[in-house]
Amino acid sequence: MTVALTDKDPHNLSELARVVVLGVRIQRREARGRSTKALENRVDRIREEAQAREDARAAARRKQQGK
């Protein structure tokens, strides 16, 4: 099980590290005048997966509290 950095953050530490590394790569590519779209898409996918996982957890908690 991976743990989020804060209670409000849907990203775990691994995802945060990947997003930071991709951000650095995006900055380097922009500085060289190269396309960053593929890297930006990867960051978006990581964020979407993290949010979907957190939404599923929140729904499970609401369902459990409703019992």
C-alpha atoms as a PDB file:
ATOM      1  CA  MET A   1       0.000   0.000   0.000  1.00  0.00           C
ATOM      2  CA  THR A   2       1.275   3.447  -0.865  1.00  0.00           C
ATOM      3  CA  VAL A   3       0.544   6.482   1.228  1.00  0.00           C
ATOM      4  CA  ALA A   4      -0.445   9.947   0.051  1.00  0.00           C
ATOM      5  CA  LEU A   5       1.683  12.887   1.095  1.00  0.00           C
ATOM      6  CA  THR A   6      -1.311  14.579   2.786  1.00  0.00           C
ATOM      7  CA  ASP A   7      -4.927  13.639   3.468  1.00  0.00           C
ATOM      8  CA  LYS A   8      -6.053  16.056   0.767  1.00  0.00           C
ATOM      9  CA  ASP A   9      -3.618  14.775  -1.866  1.00  0.00           C
ATOM     10  CA  PRO A  10      -4.709  11.895  -4.135  1.00  0.00           C
ATOM     11  CA  HIS A  11      -1.114  11.239  -5.298  1.00  0.00           C
ATOM     12  CA  ASN A  12       1.186   8.814  -3.553  1.00  0.00           C
ATOM     13  CA  LEU A  13       4.900   9.461  -3.202  1.00  0.00           C
ATOM     14  CA  SER A  14       5.804   7.437  -6.276  1.00  0.00           C
ATOM     15  CA  GLU A  15       3.389   9.396  -8.450  1.00  0.00           C
ATOM     16  CA  LEU A  16       4.629  12.698  -7.060  1.00  0.00           C
ATOM     17  CA  ALA A  17       8.211  11.718  -7.866  1.00  0.00           C
ATOM     18  CA  ARG A  18       7.281  10.710 -11.416  1.00  0.00           C
ATOM     19  CA  VAL A  19       5.420  13.986 -11.992  1.00  0.00           C
ATOM     20  CA  VAL A  20       8.397  15.999 -10.713  1.00  0.00           C
ATOM     21  CA  VAL A  21      10.830  14.108 -12.956  1.00  0.00           C
ATOM     22  CA  LEU A  22       8.546  14.555 -15.933  1.00  0.00           C
ATOM     23  CA  GLY A  23       8.254  18.258 -15.106  1.00  0.00           C
ATOM     24  CA  VAL A  24      12.031  18.588 -15.234  1.00  0.00           C
ATOM     25  CA  ARG A  25      12.126  16.783 -18.566  1.00  0.00           C
ATOM     26  CA  ILE A  26       9.366  19.068 -19.891  1.00  0.00           C
ATOM     27  CA  GLN A  27      11.345  22.148 -18.876  1.00  0.00           C
ATOM     28  CA  ARG A  28      14.483  20.852 -20.594  1.00  0.00           C
ATOM     29  CA  ARG A  29      12.605  20.074 -23.793  1.00  0.00           C
ATOM     30  CA  GLU A  30      10.924  23.498 -23.781  1.00  0.00           C
ATOM     31  CA  ALA A  31      14.312  25.173 -23.350  1.00  0.00           C
ATOM     32  CA  ARG A  32      15.542  23.323 -26.431  1.00  0.00           C
ATOM     33  CA  GLY A  33      12.439  24.212 -28.418  1.00  0.00           C
ATOM     34  CA  ARG A  34      11.200  20.639 -28.650  1.00  0.00           C
ATOM     35  CA  SER A  35       7.675  19.264 -28.268  1.00  0.00           C
ATOM     36  CA  THR A  36       6.468  18.420 -24.763  1.00  0.00           C
ATOM     37  CA  LYS A  37       2.999  17.097 -25.604  1.00  0.00           C
ATOM     38  CA  ALA A  38       3.779  13.407 -24.985  1.00  0.00           C
ATOM     39  CA  LEU A  39       5.331  14.140 -21.591  1.00  0.00           C
ATOM     40  CA  GLU A  40       2.424  16.392 -20.648  1.00  0.00           C
ATOM     41  CA  ASN A  41       0.011  13.598 -21.592  1.00  0.00           C
ATOM     42  CA  ARG A  42       1.894  11.219 -19.269  1.00  0.00           C
ATOM     43  CA  VAL A  43       1.584  13.701 -16.403  1.00  0.00           C
ATOM     44  CA  ASP A  44      -2.138  14.063 -17.100  1.00  0.00           C
ATOM     45  CA  ARG A  45      -2.600  10.261 -17.058  1.00  0.00           C
ATOM     46  CA  ILE A  46      -0.801   9.960 -13.713  1.00  0.00           C
ATOM     47  CA  ARG A  47      -2.985  12.689 -12.228  1.00  0.00           C
ATOM     48  CA  GLU A  48      -6.193  11.195 -13.625  1.00  0.00           C
ATOM     49  CA  GLU A  49      -5.369   7.721 -12.284  1.00  0.00           C
ATOM     50  CA  ALA A  50      -4.551   9.129  -8.856  1.00  0.00           C
ATOM     51  CA  GLN A  51      -7.785  11.117  -8.749  1.00  0.00           C
ATOM     52  CA  ALA A  52      -9.855   8.130  -9.891  1.00  0.00           C
ATOM     53  CA  ARG A  53      -8.295   5.977  -7.173  1.00  0.00           C
ATOM     54  CA  GLU A  54      -9.006   8.625  -4.531  1.00  0.00           C
ATOM     55  CA  ASP A  55     -12.598   9.041  -5.765  1.00  0.00           C
ATOM     56  CA  ALA A  56     -13.109   5.269  -5.482  1.00  0.00           C
ATOM     57  CA  ARG A  57     -11.746   5.304  -1.929  1.00  0.00           C
ATOM     58  CA  ALA A  58     -14.004   8.202  -0.988  1.00  0.00           C
ATOM     59  CA  ALA A  59     -17.033   6.402  -2.443  1.00  0.00           C
ATOM     60  CA  ALA A  60     -16.140   3.260  -0.494  1.00  0.00           C
ATOM     61  CA  ARG A  61     -15.844   5.294   2.722  1.00  0.00           C
ATOM     62  CA  ARG A  62     -19.225   6.945   2.106  1.00  0.00           C
ATOM     63  CA  LYS A  63     -20.783   3.545   1.390  1.00  0.00           C
ATOM     64  CA  GLN A  64     -19.275   2.076   4.551  1.00  0.00           C
ATOM     65  CA  GLN A  65     -20.516   4.991   6.675  1.00  0.00           C
ATOM     66  CA  GLY A  66     -23.997   4.562   5.234  1.00  0.00           C
ATOM     67  CA  LYS A  67     -24.330   1.016   6.602  1.00  0.00           C
END
